Amino acid sequence: MTLASQISRGGGFLDVGANIGAFALPVSRAAQTVVAIEPHPGLVDILQRNVEANGRTNISVVRGAAGAVACPRGVIRVQC
């Protein structure tokens, strides 16, 4: 069983700490929308290139970190 097989067709996926897209890319084949969050500048550049090289238009790459507390520099607040 793969992670991608657990995603509802047309659903969304949030990849926090997306690295180079090892989860975001395969899941994007099943999910309607993928948000890939990566704080490391070098990795986010590789992630963006991987998304483009694979023609994945449903992945939004966010250069930043995610946490429970909003901070002034690049932190995305995620609520359930």
Protein backbone atom coordinates (compact mmCIF):
# COMPACT_ATOMS: atom_id res chain seq x y z
CA MET A 1 0.00 0.00 0.00
CA THR A 2 1.35 3.43 -0.94
CA LEU A 3 0.66 6.86 0.47
CA ALA A 4 -0.76 7.93 -2.88
CA SER A 5 -3.30 5.09 -2.72
CA GLN A 6 -4.61 6.52 0.56
CA ILE A 7 -5.44 9.93 -0.93
CA SER A 8 -9.01 10.54 -2.05
CA ARG A 9 -9.28 11.40 -5.72
CA GLY A 10 -9.85 15.12 -5.85
CA GLY A 11 -8.61 15.59 -2.27
CA GLY A 12 -5.79 17.71 -0.97
CA PHE A 13 -2.42 16.92 0.57
CA LEU A 14 -0.17 19.07 2.74
CA ASP A 15 3.51 18.07 2.68
CA VAL A 16 5.31 19.85 5.54
CA GLY A 17 9.06 19.51 5.18
CA ALA A 18 8.67 18.53 1.53
CA ASN A 19 12.41 18.23 0.87
CA ILE A 20 12.81 17.51 -2.87
CA GLY A 21 9.28 16.18 -3.37
CA ALA A 22 9.59 12.47 -2.54
CA PHE A 23 6.02 12.47 -1.18
CA ALA A 24 4.49 15.48 -2.96
CA LEU A 25 5.27 14.27 -6.48
CA PRO A 26 3.74 10.76 -6.31
CA VAL A 27 0.76 11.95 -4.25
CA SER A 28 0.06 14.70 -6.80
CA ARG A 29 -1.06 12.01 -9.26
CA ALA A 30 -4.04 11.25 -6.99
CA ALA A 31 -4.67 14.51 -5.13
CA GLN A 32 -6.31 17.48 -6.77
CA THR A 33 -4.14 19.91 -4.84
CA VAL A 34 -0.79 19.51 -3.09
CA VAL A 35 0.89 22.19 -0.99
CA ALA A 36 4.58 21.41 -0.47
CA ILE A 37 6.22 23.47 2.29
CA GLU A 38 10.03 23.51 2.56
CA PRO A 39 12.12 26.03 4.51
CA HIS A 40 15.61 25.18 3.19
CA PRO A 41 16.42 27.47 0.22
CA GLY A 42 18.56 24.92 -1.64
CA LEU A 43 15.99 22.16 -1.25
CA VAL A 44 13.06 24.34 -2.24
CA ASP A 45 14.87 25.22 -5.48
CA ILE A 46 15.36 21.52 -6.25
CA LEU A 47 11.74 20.84 -5.28
CA GLN A 48 10.50 23.53 -7.67
CA ARG A 49 12.66 22.12 -10.49
CA ASN A 50 11.33 18.60 -9.81
CA VAL A 51 7.74 19.84 -9.88
CA GLU A 52 8.36 21.60 -13.21
CA ALA A 53 10.31 18.67 -14.71
CA ASN A 54 7.40 16.36 -13.91
CA GLY A 55 4.78 18.76 -15.27
CA ARG A 56 2.86 18.79 -11.97
CA THR A 57 0.68 21.89 -12.16
CA ASN A 58 -1.33 20.95 -9.05
CA ILE A 59 1.59 21.35 -6.63
CA SER A 60 2.10 24.71 -4.93
CA VAL A 61 5.62 25.07 -3.55
CA VAL A 62 5.91 27.30 -0.48
CA ARG A 63 9.30 28.47 0.74
CA GLY A 64 8.77 28.61 4.48
CA ALA A 65 8.20 26.64 7.64
CA ALA A 66 4.98 25.53 9.29
CA GLY A 67 4.28 25.74 12.97
CA ALA A 68 1.60 26.20 15.57
CA VAL A 69 2.54 29.82 16.19
CA ALA A 70 2.60 32.54 13.54
CA CYS A 71 5.97 34.25 13.27
CA PRO A 72 6.93 37.29 11.23
CA ARG A 73 9.27 35.43 8.85
CA GLY A 74 7.99 32.68 6.58
CA VAL A 75 5.87 30.60 8.92
CA ILE A 76 2.52 29.29 7.75
CA ARG A 77 -0.14 28.69 10.37
CA VAL A 78 -1.92 25.37 9.87
CA GLN A 79 -5.21 24.74 11.63
CA CYS A 80 -7.42 21.65 11.63
